[in-house]
Protein backbone atom coordinates (compact mmCIF):
# COMPACT_ATOMS: atom_id res chain seq x y z
CA MET A 1 174.13 100.94 168.68
CA THR A 2 174.34 104.66 167.84
CA GLU A 3 173.48 105.75 164.99
CA PRO A 4 176.70 105.66 162.86
CA GLU A 5 178.56 108.68 161.01
CA ARG A 6 180.02 105.80 158.50
CA VAL A 7 179.01 103.02 156.96
CA VAL A 8 181.02 100.52 155.29
CA ILE A 9 179.08 97.55 153.52
CA LEU A 10 181.04 94.15 152.89
CA GLY A 11 178.98 92.70 149.42
CA ALA A 12 178.32 96.13 147.76
CA SER A 13 178.07 95.03 144.89
CA GLY A 14 174.91 92.57 145.39
CA PHE A 15 171.16 92.43 145.14
CA LEU A 16 170.60 93.50 149.35
CA GLY A 17 173.77 95.09 149.26
CA ARG A 18 173.78 97.78 145.92
CA ALA A 19 169.95 98.53 147.29
CA LEU A 20 171.19 99.65 150.76
CA HIS A 21 174.20 101.79 149.31
CA ALA A 22 171.72 103.80 147.36
CA ARG A 23 169.42 104.41 150.69
CA LEU A 24 171.71 105.67 152.60
CA SER A 25 173.88 107.41 149.95
CA GLY A 26 170.75 109.40 149.53
CA ASP A 27 170.31 109.62 153.53
CA GLY A 28 173.65 111.72 153.04
CA VAL A 29 175.42 108.97 155.04
CA GLU A 30 178.94 108.76 154.40
CA VAL A 31 179.11 104.61 152.89
CA VAL A 32 182.87 102.72 152.52
CA ALA A 33 181.11 99.99 149.94
CA HIS A 34 183.78 96.71 149.13
CA SER A 35 182.59 93.84 146.99
CA SER A 36 185.12 90.54 146.13
CA ARG A 37 187.11 92.60 144.34
CA THR A 38 188.69 95.45 146.65
CA LEU A 39 187.70 93.11 149.79
CA ASP A 40 188.25 89.01 149.07
CA LEU A 41 186.29 88.35 152.46
CA THR A 42 187.79 84.53 151.92
CA ARG A 43 192.10 86.23 152.62
CA PRO A 44 192.03 87.33 155.77
CA ALA A 45 195.40 89.04 154.01
CA ALA A 46 192.08 91.43 152.19
CA PHE A 47 190.78 93.08 155.29
CA GLY A 48 193.30 95.34 155.95
CA VAL A 49 192.39 97.57 153.24
CA LEU A 50 189.89 98.47 156.81
CA ASP A 51 192.68 99.77 158.87
CA GLY A 52 191.67 102.74 159.81
CA VAL A 53 187.69 102.98 158.37
CA LEU A 54 186.54 101.28 161.21
CA GLY A 55 186.04 102.41 164.68
CA PRO A 56 183.44 103.73 167.12
CA GLU A 57 181.40 105.96 164.95
CA THR A 58 181.32 104.01 162.41
CA ALA A 59 178.79 100.78 161.84
CA LEU A 60 179.91 97.41 159.11
CA VAL A 61 177.32 95.77 157.39
CA PHE A 62 177.86 91.91 156.35
CA ALA A 63 176.16 91.32 153.08
CA SER A 64 178.60 89.32 151.59
CA ALA A 65 177.09 85.45 150.75
CA LEU A 66 177.41 83.07 147.97
CA THR A 67 173.45 82.74 147.07
CA PRO A 68 172.30 79.28 146.32
CA ASP A 69 172.45 79.87 142.32
CA ARG A 70 175.93 79.71 143.01
CA GLY A 71 174.66 76.37 143.99
CA GLN A 72 174.85 74.04 147.06
CA THR A 73 177.50 72.53 148.10
CA PRO A 74 179.67 71.94 151.23
CA ALA A 75 181.94 74.17 148.68
CA THR A 76 179.90 77.14 149.03
CA LEU A 77 179.00 76.49 152.36
CA LEU A 78 182.57 76.13 153.64
CA THR A 79 183.26 79.34 151.17
CA ASN A 80 179.61 81.26 153.31
CA THR A 81 181.35 80.08 156.97
CA MET A 82 184.80 81.03 155.74
CA MET A 83 183.83 84.99 155.04
CA ALA A 84 182.42 85.49 158.14
CA THR A 85 185.17 83.55 160.39
CA ASN A 86 187.57 85.31 158.40
CA LEU A 87 185.70 88.75 159.72
CA ALA A 88 184.50 87.59 162.74
CA ALA A 89 188.68 86.97 163.27
CA TYR A 90 189.47 90.64 162.08
CA LEU A 91 187.16 92.40 164.29
CA ASP A 92 188.80 90.34 167.80
CA GLY A 93 189.57 93.59 169.89
CA ARG A 94 188.91 96.51 167.34
CA ARG A 95 186.04 99.01 168.39
CA LEU A 96 182.98 99.34 166.41
CA GLY A 97 180.04 101.48 166.59
CA GLY A 98 178.04 98.31 165.15
CA LEU A 99 177.78 94.86 163.39
CA VAL A 100 174.92 93.74 160.90
CA TYR A 101 174.09 91.32 159.77
CA ILE A 102 172.35 90.19 156.32
CA GLY A 103 170.93 86.52 156.97
CA SER A 104 167.78 84.81 155.48
CA ASP A 105 164.33 83.54 156.51
CA ALA A 106 165.82 80.12 155.18
CA VAL A 107 167.50 79.07 158.39
CA TYR A 108 163.65 78.33 159.15
CA GLY A 109 161.16 75.26 158.62
CA PHE A 110 158.64 75.60 156.61
CA ASP A 111 154.84 74.70 159.09
CA ASN A 112 151.74 76.60 159.41
CA GLU A 113 152.44 78.67 162.42
CA ALA A 114 153.70 82.16 161.41
CA VAL A 115 156.91 82.33 162.07
CA THR A 116 158.37 85.10 164.49
CA GLU A 117 161.65 85.31 165.71
CA ASP A 118 161.38 83.18 169.00
CA THR A 119 160.00 80.34 166.14
CA PRO A 120 163.33 77.84 166.62
CA VAL A 121 165.25 77.48 163.48
CA ALA A 122 166.13 74.45 161.26
CA PRO A 123 167.74 75.21 158.12
CA ALA A 124 167.37 72.40 155.53
CA GLY A 125 170.08 72.94 152.66
CA TYR A 126 174.25 74.45 152.48
CA TYR A 127 173.45 77.78 152.28
CA ALA A 128 170.65 77.80 155.55
CA LEU A 129 173.35 76.00 157.47
CA GLY A 130 175.52 78.86 156.07
CA LYS A 131 173.25 81.84 156.78
CA TYR A 132 172.43 81.02 160.15
CA ALA A 133 176.62 79.65 160.77
CA GLY A 134 177.63 83.44 159.54
CA GLU A 135 174.52 84.72 161.68
CA ARG A 136 176.17 82.78 165.11
CA VAL A 137 179.84 83.83 164.40
CA MET A 138 178.34 86.83 164.12
CA GLU A 139 176.59 86.91 167.40
CA THR A 140 180.00 85.61 169.31
CA ALA A 141 182.49 88.26 167.42
CA ALA A 142 180.10 90.81 168.94
CA ARG A 143 179.30 89.40 172.16
CA ALA A 144 183.19 89.04 172.78
CA ALA A 145 184.21 92.73 171.43
CA ALA A 146 181.26 94.40 172.96
CA ILE A 147 179.99 95.57 169.80
CA PRO A 148 176.01 96.07 169.36
CA LEU A 149 174.77 93.36 166.76
CA LEU A 150 171.77 94.57 164.65
CA ALA A 151 171.03 90.68 162.85
CA LEU A 152 168.45 90.77 159.68
CA ARG A 153 166.40 87.54 158.82
CA VAL A 154 165.57 88.40 155.51
CA THR A 155 162.46 86.59 153.46
CA GLY A 156 162.33 86.10 149.60
CA VAL A 157 163.01 89.59 148.16
CA TYR A 158 161.88 90.95 144.41
CA GLY A 159 162.89 93.75 142.39
CA PRO A 160 165.42 95.57 140.10
CA GLY A 161 169.27 94.98 139.90
CA ASP A 162 168.79 91.09 140.92
CA SER A 163 170.63 88.89 138.69
CA HIS A 164 169.31 85.40 140.07
CA ALA A 165 167.52 83.01 139.02
CA SER A 166 165.04 81.93 142.09
CA TYR A 167 161.77 80.88 141.25
CA GLY A 168 159.64 83.68 141.78
CA PRO A 169 158.58 87.64 140.76
CA ASN A 170 162.03 88.05 139.34
CA ALA A 171 161.92 85.02 137.24
CA PHE A 172 158.39 85.37 136.47
CA ALA A 173 159.36 89.08 135.00
CA ARG A 174 162.59 87.70 133.10
CA SER A 175 160.56 85.10 131.47
CA LEU A 176 157.73 87.53 130.63
CA ALA A 177 160.25 89.79 128.99
CA ARG A 178 162.19 86.70 127.24
CA ASP A 179 159.00 84.84 125.86
CA ARG A 180 156.12 86.20 127.26
CA SER A 181 155.76 83.08 129.02
CA VAL A 182 155.95 81.80 132.79
CA ARG A 183 156.83 78.73 134.55
CA ILE A 184 155.05 77.68 138.17
CA PHE A 185 155.51 74.39 140.07
CA GLY A 186 151.65 72.78 139.77
CA ALA A 187 148.89 75.52 140.39
CA GLY A 188 150.94 77.94 142.86
CA GLU A 189 149.51 77.17 145.33
CA GLU A 190 152.34 78.16 148.09
CA GLU A 191 152.26 80.76 149.91
CA ARG A 192 155.24 83.25 150.15
CA ASP A 193 156.05 86.92 151.46
CA HIS A 194 157.19 88.32 148.66
CA LEU A 195 159.20 91.32 149.14
CA TYR A 196 160.98 94.64 147.67
CA VAL A 197 164.53 95.39 147.47
CA ASP A 198 164.02 98.56 148.54
CA ASP A 199 161.95 98.36 151.35
CA VAL A 200 164.64 95.99 152.74
CA ALA A 201 167.19 98.55 152.44
CA GLY A 202 164.71 101.05 153.71
CA ILE A 203 164.14 99.09 156.62
CA ALA A 204 167.59 98.13 157.40
CA ALA A 205 168.52 101.89 156.87
CA CYS A 206 165.85 103.15 159.04
CA LEU A 207 167.68 100.26 161.99
CA LEU A 208 171.35 100.94 161.86
CA ARG A 209 170.53 104.73 162.00
CA SER A 210 168.55 104.26 164.79
CA GLY A 211 170.94 102.44 166.63
CA THR A 212 168.68 99.16 167.27
CA ALA A 213 170.34 96.39 167.96
CA GLY A 214 168.88 92.68 167.79
CA VAL A 215 167.59 90.23 165.45
CA PHE A 216 164.34 90.92 162.73
CA ASN A 217 162.53 88.86 160.51
CA VAL A 218 162.39 91.65 157.63
CA ALA A 219 159.63 90.99 156.17
CA THR A 220 155.93 92.13 155.21
CA GLY A 221 153.74 89.70 157.30
CA GLN A 222 150.94 89.41 154.12
CA SER A 223 152.09 86.01 152.00
CA ARG A 224 150.48 85.31 149.01
CA SER A 225 150.70 82.52 146.45
CA PHE A 226 152.52 82.11 143.23
CA ALA A 227 149.44 82.03 141.25
CA ASP A 228 148.26 84.97 142.87
CA VAL A 229 151.87 86.89 142.14
CA VAL A 230 151.46 85.37 138.34
CA LYS A 231 147.86 86.39 138.08
CA THR A 232 148.86 89.84 138.73
CA LEU A 233 151.47 90.35 136.51
CA ARG A 234 149.18 89.32 134.33
CA ASP A 235 146.90 92.07 135.25
CA LEU A 236 150.15 94.43 134.69
CA VAL A 237 151.40 93.73 131.49
CA PRO A 238 149.21 94.89 127.77
CA TYR A 239 150.15 91.60 126.65
CA GLU A 240 148.92 87.57 127.02
CA VAL A 241 150.97 85.39 128.78
CA ALA A 242 151.51 81.78 128.44
CA VAL A 243 151.55 79.60 132.04
CA THR A 244 152.77 76.46 132.25
CA SER A 245 152.40 73.81 135.13
CA LEU A 246 155.71 72.14 136.01
CA PRO A 247 155.64 68.59 137.83
CA ARG A 248 156.61 69.61 141.93
CA LYS A 249 159.39 68.90 142.90
CA SER A 250 158.78 68.90 146.41
CA ALA A 251 155.48 68.89 148.75
CA ILE A 252 153.22 71.97 149.07
CA THR A 253 154.53 74.42 151.91
CA HIS A 254 153.53 78.10 153.00
CA ARG A 255 155.39 80.57 155.20
CA ARG A 256 154.38 83.46 157.04
CA PHE A 257 155.19 86.09 159.16
CA ASP A 258 153.88 87.75 162.52
CA ILE A 259 156.06 90.73 162.09
CA ALA A 260 155.10 92.50 165.71
CA ARG A 261 158.91 92.90 166.85
CA LEU A 262 159.48 95.01 163.43
CA THR A 263 156.69 96.50 163.48
CA ARG A 264 157.29 98.59 166.68
CA ALA A 265 161.41 99.24 165.58
CA VAL A 266 159.81 101.26 162.69
CA PRO A 267 155.75 101.66 163.34
CA ASP A 268 155.85 104.98 160.47
CA PHE A 269 157.22 102.22 157.83
CA ARG A 270 155.27 101.67 154.78
CA PHE A 271 155.80 98.92 152.62
CA THR A 272 155.75 98.81 149.15
CA PRO A 273 152.19 97.74 147.41
CA LEU A 274 152.68 93.79 145.30
CA PRO A 275 151.28 95.71 141.95
CA ASP A 276 153.28 98.88 142.55
CA GLY A 277 156.54 96.78 142.95
CA LEU A 278 156.18 94.21 140.61
CA ARG A 279 155.60 97.01 137.72
CA ALA A 280 158.81 98.58 138.19
CA THR A 281 159.93 94.85 138.33
CA LEU A 282 158.58 94.03 134.77
CA ARG A 283 160.28 97.67 133.38
CA ALA A 284 163.78 96.44 135.04
CA PHE A 285 163.18 93.39 133.13
CA GLY A 286 161.69 94.64 129.97
CA ALA A 287 158.52 93.08 130.26
CA ILE A 288 157.01 95.97 129.62
CA GLY A 289 157.18 99.81 128.85
CA GLY A 290 158.32 102.83 131.09
CA GLU A 291 156.34 105.96 131.27
């Protein structure tokens, strides 16, 4: 993959799509942005809007998906898979400078060992199945069309602009804004790698513009418990926080990453410190005032 002159983003109105659009535009890259309003990926005929836009100088970013908050059902799996297969059919026989698939670390199971790109996948749940199926469909389509593929398996993302209600920093910030309280499962022992949204965009932009291809886990390499996140949030707000422990719905699990491959690809990248990212998130949700 060579550095593209133009980037087309499918899913540009989503959490990650918006951040990547802003980053690339800020870097002076021409971006063509599509959401479901301008290109319904479930309708093959809708892809005609890309005619004349794609070419050897263009990279295509596939960031569209029905996220878990839209339901973990066979129907959402079918929709996510359909979007990938429709895109693959459209790309057949077309020339393209590069293809980027925004995937998820949900394709992995939970283990005490640090996850690498060589860790066997073990998708559990319809969302994870859909993301892995989409990745493999894009891999097959890219190979058939001789298009370089960059597949990013992104860990849990937090930060301004998230409309989802998934458990973690954003849900905590939203709750603090609403009633100055936080609800955690058990004592919040589970460890996760919490990744700031602008860092995802920055890494994706760096890899894309450098012409990198292959599979990369996108994570900080530093996992923290949800309890530690809550403690950091409490230190950032100027008021008392009520913390409620909820009964667990499942066993305690942890996820840690070995990001050696990513570090080799973007050796100069510096992640946003967790307190800085959480402070920006709190301001975005109105849990603290701006400065």
